[in-house]
C-alpha atoms as a PDB file:
ATOM      1  CA  MET A   1      63.798  58.967 -58.225  1.00  0.00           C
ATOM      2  CA  ASN A   2      61.079  58.419 -55.669  1.00  0.00           C
ATOM      3  CA  ILE A   3      60.068  61.468 -53.670  1.00  0.00           C
ATOM      4  CA  TYR A   4      58.355  60.970 -50.351  1.00  0.00           C
ATOM      5  CA  PHE A   5      56.316  63.740 -48.820  1.00  0.00           C
ATOM      6  CA  LYS A   6      56.002  63.855 -45.059  1.00  0.00           C
ATOM      7  CA  PRO A   7      52.402  64.692 -44.139  1.00  0.00           C
ATOM      8  CA  LEU A   8      51.866  67.930 -42.307  1.00  0.00           C
ATOM      9  CA  LYS A   9      51.300  67.159 -38.653  1.00  0.00           C
ATOM     10  CA  VAL A  10      48.430  68.986 -37.032  1.00  0.00           C
ATOM     11  CA  VAL A  11      49.307  69.877 -33.435  1.00  0.00           C
ATOM     12  CA  ILE A  12      46.666  68.474 -31.112  1.00  0.00           C
ATOM     13  CA  HIS A  13      46.645  69.861 -27.606  1.00  0.00           C
ATOM     14  CA  LEU A  14      46.429  66.863 -25.313  1.00  0.00           C
ATOM     15  CA  LEU A  15      46.448  69.137 -22.268  1.00  0.00           C
ATOM     16  CA  LYS A  16      45.053  72.647 -22.037  1.00  0.00           C
ATOM     17  CA  ILE A  17      45.140  74.679 -18.836  1.00  0.00           C
ATOM     18  CA  GLU A  18      43.075  77.856 -18.674  1.00  0.00           C
ATOM     19  CA  ASN A  19      43.575  80.588 -16.051  1.00  0.00           C
ATOM     20  CA  LEU A  20      44.305  78.051 -13.330  1.00  0.00           C
ATOM     21  CA  HIS A  21      44.350  79.238  -9.728  1.00  0.00           C
ATOM     22  CA  ALA A  22      45.069  76.789  -6.911  1.00  0.00           C
ATOM     23  CA  GLU A  23      45.964  76.801  -3.250  1.00  0.00           C
ATOM     24  CA  ALA A  24      47.723  74.416  -0.907  1.00  0.00           C
ATOM     25  CA  GLY A  25      47.706  74.631   2.860  1.00  0.00           C
ATOM     26  CA  GLY A  26      45.268  77.543   2.671  1.00  0.00           C
ATOM     27  CA  LYS A  27      47.709  79.658   0.634  1.00  0.00           C
ATOM     28  CA  GLU A  28      47.267  80.623  -3.016  1.00  0.00           C
ATOM     29  CA  ILE A  29      50.127  79.091  -4.993  1.00  0.00           C
ATOM     30  CA  LEU A  30      49.031  79.160  -8.642  1.00  0.00           C
ATOM     31  CA  LYS A  31      47.847  82.578  -9.782  1.00  0.00           C
ATOM     32  CA  GLY A  32      46.583  82.181 -13.316  1.00  0.00           C
ATOM     33  CA  ILE A  33      48.338  79.455 -15.319  1.00  0.00           C
ATOM     34  CA  ASP A  34      47.711  79.172 -19.060  1.00  0.00           C
ATOM     35  CA  LEU A  35      49.495  76.265 -20.707  1.00  0.00           C
ATOM     36  CA  GLU A  36      49.005  73.988 -23.710  1.00  0.00           C
ATOM     37  CA  ILE A  37      50.914  70.753 -24.322  1.00  0.00           C
ATOM     38  CA  GLY A  38      50.620  69.039 -27.685  1.00  0.00           C
ATOM     39  CA  ASP A  39      50.183  65.337 -28.307  1.00  0.00           C
ATOM     40  CA  GLY A  40      53.601  63.677 -28.159  1.00  0.00           C
ATOM     41  CA  ARG A  41      55.360  66.823 -26.876  1.00  0.00           C
ATOM     42  CA  THR A  42      57.766  66.882 -23.930  1.00  0.00           C
ATOM     43  CA  CYS A  43      57.721  70.150 -21.993  1.00  0.00           C
ATOM     44  CA  VAL A  44      60.166  71.197 -19.281  1.00  0.00           C
ATOM     45  CA  LEU A  45      59.226  73.410 -16.355  1.00  0.00           C
ATOM     46  CA  PHE A  46      61.924  75.480 -14.646  1.00  0.00           C
ATOM     47  CA  GLY A  47      61.556  77.737 -11.643  1.00  0.00           C
ATOM     48  CA  PRO A  48      62.976  78.538  -8.202  1.00  0.00           C
ATOM     49  CA  ASN A  49      61.944  76.644  -5.082  1.00  0.00           C
ATOM     50  CA  GLY A  50      58.454  77.571  -3.913  1.00  0.00           C
ATOM     51  CA  SER A  51      57.339  78.952  -7.271  1.00  0.00           C
ATOM     52  CA  GLY A  52      54.460  76.484  -7.681  1.00  0.00           C
ATOM     53  CA  LYS A  53      55.906  73.818  -9.990  1.00  0.00           C
ATOM     54  CA  SER A  54      54.971  70.793  -7.872  1.00  0.00           C
ATOM     55  CA  THR A  55      51.595  72.337  -7.102  1.00  0.00           C
ATOM     56  CA  LEU A  56      50.877  72.590 -10.824  1.00  0.00           C
ATOM     57  CA  LEU A  57      51.621  68.885 -11.286  1.00  0.00           C
ATOM     58  CA  ALA A  58      49.488  68.061  -8.241  1.00  0.00           C
ATOM     59  CA  ALA A  59      46.594  70.064  -9.697  1.00  0.00           C
ATOM     60  CA  ILE A  60      46.824  68.188 -13.015  1.00  0.00           C
ATOM     61  CA  MET A  61      46.949  64.808 -11.254  1.00  0.00           C
ATOM     62  CA  GLY A  62      44.216  65.739  -8.780  1.00  0.00           C
ATOM     63  CA  LEU A  63      46.181  65.213  -5.567  1.00  0.00           C
ATOM     64  CA  GLY A  64      44.095  65.951  -2.491  1.00  0.00           C
ATOM     65  CA  HIS A  65      46.300  68.591  -0.869  1.00  0.00           C
ATOM     66  CA  CYS A  66      45.846  70.907  -3.871  1.00  0.00           C
ATOM     67  CA  LYS A  67      42.571  72.848  -4.190  1.00  0.00           C
ATOM     68  CA  ILE A  68      41.653  74.443  -7.510  1.00  0.00           C
ATOM     69  CA  THR A  69      39.829  77.715  -6.906  1.00  0.00           C
ATOM     70  CA  LYS A  70      39.492  79.008 -10.461  1.00  0.00           C
ATOM     71  CA  GLY A  71      40.130  77.954 -14.056  1.00  0.00           C
ATOM     72  CA  ARG A  72      39.957  74.674 -15.963  1.00  0.00           C
ATOM     73  CA  ILE A  73      42.113  71.688 -16.896  1.00  0.00           C
ATOM     74  CA  ILE A  74      41.160  70.093 -20.212  1.00  0.00           C
ATOM     75  CA  TYR A  75      42.734  66.729 -21.009  1.00  0.00           C
ATOM     76  CA  ASP A  76      42.055  64.995 -24.322  1.00  0.00           C
ATOM     77  CA  ASN A  77      38.955  67.179 -24.842  1.00  0.00           C
ATOM     78  CA  THR A  78      37.604  66.270 -21.385  1.00  0.00           C
ATOM     79  CA  ASP A  79      37.256  68.729 -18.495  1.00  0.00           C
ATOM     80  CA  ILE A  80      39.039  66.946 -15.620  1.00  0.00           C
ATOM     81  CA  THR A  81      39.105  69.912 -13.223  1.00  0.00           C
ATOM     82  CA  GLY A  82      36.904  68.210 -10.612  1.00  0.00           C
ATOM     83  CA  MET A  83      37.662  64.613 -11.558  1.00  0.00           C
ATOM     84  CA  PRO A  84      39.016  62.215  -8.878  1.00  0.00           C
ATOM     85  CA  ILE A  85      42.563  60.948  -9.189  1.00  0.00           C
ATOM     86  CA  ASP A  86      41.657  57.362 -10.116  1.00  0.00           C
ATOM     87  CA  GLU A  87      39.571  58.504 -13.084  1.00  0.00           C
ATOM     88  CA  ARG A  88      42.434  60.702 -14.299  1.00  0.00           C
ATOM     89  CA  ALA A  89      44.746  57.694 -14.116  1.00  0.00           C
ATOM     90  CA  LYS A  90      42.274  55.632 -16.157  1.00  0.00           C
ATOM     91  CA  LEU A  91      42.333  58.354 -18.823  1.00  0.00           C
ATOM     92  CA  GLY A  92      46.087  57.840 -19.140  1.00  0.00           C
ATOM     93  CA  ILE A  93      47.692  60.368 -16.782  1.00  0.00           C
ATOM     94  CA  GLY A  94      50.622  59.101 -14.724  1.00  0.00           C
ATOM     95  CA  MET A  95      52.935  60.813 -12.254  1.00  0.00           C
ATOM     96  CA  MET A  96      56.372  60.367 -10.741  1.00  0.00           C
ATOM     97  CA  MET A  97      56.404  62.247  -7.447  1.00  0.00           C
ATOM     98  CA  GLN A  98      59.464  63.982  -6.075  1.00  0.00           C
ATOM     99  CA  ARG A  99      58.872  62.503  -2.607  1.00  0.00           C
ATOM    100  CA  PRO A 100      56.343  59.644  -2.853  1.00  0.00           C
ATOM    101  CA  PRO A 101      54.987  58.217   0.420  1.00  0.00           C
ATOM    102  CA  ASN A 102      55.989  54.899   1.949  1.00  0.00           C
ATOM    103  CA  LEU A 103      53.321  52.281   1.250  1.00  0.00           C
ATOM    104  CA  VAL A 104      53.580  49.955   4.214  1.00  0.00           C
ATOM    105  CA  GLY A 105      52.025  46.577   3.472  1.00  0.00           C
ATOM    106  CA  VAL A 106      51.881  47.161  -0.301  1.00  0.00           C
ATOM    107  CA  LYS A 107      54.406  45.146  -2.287  1.00  0.00           C
ATOM    108  CA  LEU A 108      55.847  46.443  -5.553  1.00  0.00           C
ATOM    109  CA  ARG A 109      54.839  43.217  -7.327  1.00  0.00           C
ATOM    110  CA  ALA A 110      51.217  43.619  -6.184  1.00  0.00           C
ATOM    111  CA  LEU A 111      51.021  47.233  -7.332  1.00  0.00           C
ATOM    112  CA  VAL A 112      52.454  46.426 -10.759  1.00  0.00           C
ATOM    113  CA  ASN A 113      49.866  43.646 -11.080  1.00  0.00           C
ATOM    114  CA  ALA A 114      47.109  46.090 -10.107  1.00  0.00           C
ATOM    115  CA  VAL A 115      47.938  48.799 -12.661  1.00  0.00           C
ATOM    116  CA  SER A 116      49.092  46.783 -15.667  1.00  0.00           C
ATOM    117  CA  ASP A 117      47.292  44.770 -18.350  1.00  0.00           C
ATOM    118  CA  ASP A 118      50.532  42.869 -18.931  1.00  0.00           C
ATOM    119  CA  ALA A 119      52.131  42.794 -15.487  1.00  0.00           C
ATOM    120  CA  ASP A 120      54.091  39.582 -16.133  1.00  0.00           C
ATOM    121  CA  ALA A 121      56.012  41.234 -18.972  1.00  0.00           C
ATOM    122  CA  VAL A 122      56.929  44.214 -16.776  1.00  0.00           C
ATOM    123  CA  ILE A 123      57.903  42.041 -13.808  1.00  0.00           C
ATOM    124  CA  LYS A 124      60.132  39.901 -16.056  1.00  0.00           C
ATOM    125  CA  LYS A 125      62.051  43.076 -16.907  1.00  0.00           C
ATOM    126  CA  ALA A 126      62.461  44.172 -13.276  1.00  0.00           C
ATOM    127  CA  ASP A 127      66.208  43.627 -13.575  1.00  0.00           C
ATOM    128  CA  GLU A 128      66.334  46.372 -16.240  1.00  0.00           C
ATOM    129  CA  PHE A 129      65.213  48.796 -13.532  1.00  0.00           C
ATOM    130  CA  ARG A 130      67.484  47.086 -10.993  1.00  0.00           C
ATOM    131  CA  MET A 131      64.316  46.333  -9.001  1.00  0.00           C
ATOM    132  CA  ASP A 132      64.299  42.512  -9.160  1.00  0.00           C
ATOM    133  CA  GLY A 133      65.284  42.369  -5.474  1.00  0.00           C
ATOM    134  CA  PHE A 134      62.515  44.787  -4.455  1.00  0.00           C
ATOM    135  CA  LEU A 135      59.404  43.118  -5.903  1.00  0.00           C
ATOM    136  CA  ASP A 136      58.309  41.646  -2.582  1.00  0.00           C
ATOM    137  CA  ARG A 137      59.270  44.606  -0.424  1.00  0.00           C
ATOM    138  CA  ASP A 138      56.952  47.331   0.868  1.00  0.00           C
ATOM    139  CA  ILE A 139      57.046  50.192  -1.633  1.00  0.00           C
ATOM    140  CA  ASN A 140      59.604  52.917  -0.770  1.00  0.00           C
ATOM    141  CA  VAL A 141      60.208  51.560   2.753  1.00  0.00           C
ATOM    142  CA  GLY A 142      63.972  51.707   3.245  1.00  0.00           C
ATOM    143  CA  PHE A 143      64.542  52.621  -0.406  1.00  0.00           C
ATOM    144  CA  SER A 144      67.307  55.038  -1.375  1.00  0.00           C
ATOM    145  CA  GLY A 145      66.581  58.057  -3.563  1.00  0.00           C
ATOM    146  CA  GLY A 146      67.631  56.236  -6.722  1.00  0.00           C
ATOM    147  CA  GLU A 147      65.669  53.111  -5.779  1.00  0.00           C
ATOM    148  CA  ILE A 148      62.531  55.200  -5.286  1.00  0.00           C
ATOM    149  CA  LYS A 149      62.941  56.772  -8.743  1.00  0.00           C
ATOM    150  CA  ARG A 150      63.490  53.395 -10.398  1.00  0.00           C
ATOM    151  CA  SER A 151      60.472  51.962  -8.598  1.00  0.00           C
ATOM    152  CA  GLU A 152      58.317  54.881  -9.740  1.00  0.00           C
ATOM    153  CA  LEU A 153      59.506  54.413 -13.321  1.00  0.00           C
ATOM    154  CA  MET A 154      58.714  50.722 -13.210  1.00  0.00           C
ATOM    155  CA  GLN A 155      55.209  51.523 -11.984  1.00  0.00           C
ATOM    156  CA  LEU A 156      54.723  54.108 -14.742  1.00  0.00           C
ATOM    157  CA  THR A 157      55.960  51.655 -17.355  1.00  0.00           C
ATOM    158  CA  ALA A 158      53.382  49.142 -16.096  1.00  0.00           C
ATOM    159  CA  GLN A 159      50.642  51.772 -16.234  1.00  0.00           C
ATOM    160  CA  ARG A 160      51.519  52.792 -19.819  1.00  0.00           C
ATOM    161  CA  PRO A 161      50.255  56.387 -19.482  1.00  0.00           C
ATOM    162  CA  LYS A 162      49.624  58.706 -22.403  1.00  0.00           C
ATOM    163  CA  PHE A 163      50.580  61.803 -20.405  1.00  0.00           C
ATOM    164  CA  VAL A 164      53.387  61.747 -17.828  1.00  0.00           C
ATOM    165  CA  LEU A 165      54.125  64.175 -15.008  1.00  0.00           C
ATOM    166  CA  LEU A 166      57.726  63.928 -13.771  1.00  0.00           C
ATOM    167  CA  ASP A 167      58.655  65.908 -10.665  1.00  0.00           C
ATOM    168  CA  GLU A 168      62.453  66.201 -10.589  1.00  0.00           C
ATOM    169  CA  PRO A 169      63.252  62.691 -11.897  1.00  0.00           C
ATOM    170  CA  GLU A 170      66.982  63.208 -11.231  1.00  0.00           C
ATOM    171  CA  SER A 171      66.517  64.431  -7.634  1.00  0.00           C
ATOM    172  CA  GLY A 172      68.255  62.226  -5.059  1.00  0.00           C
ATOM    173  CA  VAL A 173      69.831  60.031  -7.753  1.00  0.00           C
ATOM    174  CA  ASP A 174      73.579  59.416  -7.655  1.00  0.00           C
ATOM    175  CA  LEU A 175      75.760  59.973 -10.710  1.00  0.00           C
ATOM    176  CA  GLU A 176      75.993  56.240 -11.424  1.00  0.00           C
ATOM    177  CA  SER A 177      72.203  55.815 -11.478  1.00  0.00           C
ATOM    178  CA  ILE A 178      71.226  58.969 -13.373  1.00  0.00           C
ATOM    179  CA  GLY A 179      72.075  57.270 -16.670  1.00  0.00           C
ATOM    180  CA  LEU A 180      69.676  54.387 -15.949  1.00  0.00           C
ATOM    181  CA  VAL A 181      66.908  56.738 -14.796  1.00  0.00           C
ATOM    182  CA  GLY A 182      67.395  58.911 -17.881  1.00  0.00           C
ATOM    183  CA  LYS A 183      67.353  55.861 -20.167  1.00  0.00           C
ATOM    184  CA  LYS A 184      64.106  54.550 -18.661  1.00  0.00           C
ATOM    185  CA  VAL A 185      62.445  57.972 -18.865  1.00  0.00           C
ATOM    186  CA  HIS A 186      63.501  58.166 -22.514  1.00  0.00           C
ATOM    187  CA  GLU A 187      62.055  54.714 -23.218  1.00  0.00           C
ATOM    188  CA  LEU A 188      58.829  55.618 -21.432  1.00  0.00           C
ATOM    189  CA  LEU A 189      58.371  58.667 -23.642  1.00  0.00           C
ATOM    190  CA  CYS A 190      59.456  57.213 -26.974  1.00  0.00           C
ATOM    191  CA  GLY A 191      58.007  53.713 -26.876  1.00  0.00           C
ATOM    192  CA  GLY A 192      60.543  51.136 -25.727  1.00  0.00           C
ATOM    193  CA  PRO A 193      64.251  50.242 -25.744  1.00  0.00           C
ATOM    194  CA  GLN A 194      64.679  50.593 -29.518  1.00  0.00           C
ATOM    195  CA  CYS A 195      62.723  53.858 -29.753  1.00  0.00           C
ATOM    196  CA  ASN A 196      62.353  53.433 -33.490  1.00  0.00           C
ATOM    197  CA  SER A 197      58.954  55.078 -33.597  1.00  0.00           C
ATOM    198  CA  PRO A 198      57.227  57.761 -31.539  1.00  0.00           C
ATOM    199  CA  ASN A 199      55.025  56.536 -28.716  1.00  0.00           C
ATOM    200  CA  ASN A 200      53.026  59.795 -28.691  1.00  0.00           C
ATOM    201  CA  VAL A 201      53.465  60.065 -24.939  1.00  0.00           C
ATOM    202  CA  SER A 202      53.353  63.662 -23.763  1.00  0.00           C
ATOM    203  CA  ALA A 203      55.195  64.853 -20.673  1.00  0.00           C
ATOM    204  CA  LEU A 204      55.586  67.782 -18.305  1.00  0.00           C
ATOM    205  CA  VAL A 205      58.945  67.550 -16.545  1.00  0.00           C
ATOM    206  CA  ILE A 206      60.163  69.605 -13.589  1.00  0.00           C
ATOM    207  CA  THR A 207      63.938  69.909 -13.320  1.00  0.00           C
ATOM    208  CA  HIS A 208      66.320  72.090 -11.328  1.00  0.00           C
ATOM    209  CA  THR A 209      69.628  70.716 -12.552  1.00  0.00           C
ATOM    210  CA  GLY A 210      68.696  70.038 -16.178  1.00  0.00           C
ATOM    211  CA  GLN A 211      70.487  66.656 -16.039  1.00  0.00           C
ATOM    212  CA  ILE A 212      67.443  64.834 -17.391  1.00  0.00           C
ATOM    213  CA  LEU A 213      67.719  66.875 -20.606  1.00  0.00           C
ATOM    214  CA  ASP A 214      70.867  64.902 -21.465  1.00  0.00           C
ATOM    215  CA  HIS A 215      68.628  61.847 -21.887  1.00  0.00           C
ATOM    216  CA  ILE A 216      65.299  63.047 -23.281  1.00  0.00           C
ATOM    217  CA  GLY A 217      64.401  65.097 -26.330  1.00  0.00           C
ATOM    218  CA  ALA A 218      62.449  67.976 -24.813  1.00  0.00           C
ATOM    219  CA  ASP A 219      60.485  70.239 -27.160  1.00  0.00           C
ATOM    220  CA  ASP A 220      59.456  73.283 -25.108  1.00  0.00           C
ATOM    221  CA  ALA A 221      60.443  74.935 -21.836  1.00  0.00           C
ATOM    222  CA  TYR A 222      58.817  77.375 -19.436  1.00  0.00           C
ATOM    223  CA  ILE A 223      59.842  79.376 -16.388  1.00  0.00           C
ATOM    224  CA  LEU A 224      57.329  79.521 -13.553  1.00  0.00           C
ATOM    225  CA  VAL A 225      57.860  82.190 -10.892  1.00  0.00           C
ATOM    226  CA  ASP A 226      55.451  83.367  -8.158  1.00  0.00           C
ATOM    227  CA  GLY A 227      52.669  81.116  -9.410  1.00  0.00           C
ATOM    228  CA  LYS A 228      52.734  82.344 -13.010  1.00  0.00           C
ATOM    229  CA  ILE A 229      54.465  81.262 -16.208  1.00  0.00           C
ATOM    230  CA  LYS A 230      56.644  84.230 -17.030  1.00  0.00           C
ATOM    231  CA  CYS A 231      58.425  83.179 -20.229  1.00  0.00           C
ATOM    232  CA  SER A 232      59.237  80.288 -22.520  1.00  0.00           C
ATOM    233  CA  GLY A 233      61.887  79.131 -24.948  1.00  0.00           C
ATOM    234  CA  ARG A 234      63.863  76.188 -26.246  1.00  0.00           C
ATOM    235  CA  PRO A 235      64.866  73.845 -23.387  1.00  0.00           C
ATOM    236  CA  MET A 236      68.671  73.873 -23.676  1.00  0.00           C
ATOM    237  CA  GLY A 237      68.833  77.556 -24.544  1.00  0.00           C
ATOM    238  CA  LEU A 238      66.622  78.514 -21.639  1.00  0.00           C
ATOM    239  CA  LEU A 239      68.610  76.291 -19.267  1.00  0.00           C
ATOM    240  CA  LYS A 240      71.837  77.934 -20.399  1.00  0.00           C
ATOM    241  CA  ASP A 241      70.408  81.403 -19.741  1.00  0.00           C
ATOM    242  CA  ILE A 242      69.154  80.379 -16.293  1.00  0.00           C
ATOM    243  CA  ARG A 243      72.571  79.008 -15.357  1.00  0.00           C
ATOM    244  CA  GLU A 244      74.353  82.138 -16.546  1.00  0.00           C
ATOM    245  CA  ARG A 245      71.926  84.832 -15.425  1.00  0.00           C
ATOM    246  CA  GLY A 246      69.397  83.317 -13.020  1.00  0.00           C
ATOM    247  CA  TYR A 247      65.605  83.186 -13.204  1.00  0.00           C
ATOM    248  CA  ARG A 248      64.870  86.823 -12.442  1.00  0.00           C
ATOM    249  CA  GLU A 249      67.346  88.149 -14.969  1.00  0.00           C
ATOM    250  CA  CYS A 250      65.944  85.889 -17.698  1.00  0.00           C
ATOM    251  CA  ILE A 251      62.467  87.206 -16.993  1.00  0.00           C
ATOM    252  CA  ARG A 252      63.651  90.817 -16.809  1.00  0.00           C
ATOM    253  CA  CYS A 253      65.333  90.480 -20.187  1.00  0.00           C
ATOM    254  CA  GLY A 254      62.015  89.365 -21.637  1.00  0.00           C
ATOM    255  CA  MET A 255      62.484  85.947 -23.223  1.00  0.00           C
ATOM    256  CA  VAL A 256      60.352  85.693 -26.352  1.00  0.00           C
ATOM    257  CA  LYS A 257      57.179  83.656 -26.154  1.00  0.00           C
ATOM    258  CA  MET A 258      57.051  80.734 -28.583  1.00  0.00           C
END
C-alpha cells in the first residue's frame, strides 16, 4: 500500500495591516486595524453600515478619498502604505467596488486590452459574463447593478490579481444573476472553470447578506464595528450568529479570536 504524506503548509501572510488609522472626508473612520490574511486565504468582513468596511478596502487599494494617518499596510513583504494605486495594481491587487464610477468615453474592450496580457482570450469569453453586448459601450454608463458587477468581474479576470478586494459583490444583483456572479467570483479565486487546483488568490470580501458565501469557500471572518475589528470566527457560524443576535450582541457575548 502506498502512503502519501501531504506536506505541512506554512502560512504566509500575503497582507499584514498594523495599527491602521484612516480618515475620509476629514473624519476618522478606521481606529486601529490589525489584520493578517494568508496566501490563498479568503476572508469575509461583516459589519453594520458606516462601520468602516469600505474605507478599509479603499485604504488597501490606495483610493484617493481615504487618508492613512497612522499604521502600515504590508503586502507581499512590501510596505505599500504610501504607494500610488497603479503601483499596487501592478503588484497584483485588484478591487471590485460597490459603486464604481461611470467611465464616459472608455470602452470595456479597451480597458480589458489595457490591463491584460492575454486580452483576446478574455474578450472571447465575454459571453460567459453575459458582457458580449457591452464590449463597445462606455463602462457602467446605463448598466444595471448586475451588469456593473459582471463588468467588474470581467475586468478583474483580465487583470489576474493575486489579492482581490470585493466590496459587496452581491449588492444590486437580482436573484437570477447572483448565481453567475458567485460562479465567476469562485473561478477568480480558485483558478478557472474547473477549479481543480488552488490558484493561491487571496481575498477580502465585504458582505451584508452573506449570499456570496453560498458560492465561495471562505476561510475566516471578522466583524468590524466603529472602525475596529471586534471579533472573528468561522464564516458561516459567525453569519448565523449575526442573523440571530445582531452585531452588538455577538460582540457583547465575546466571540473567540481565532
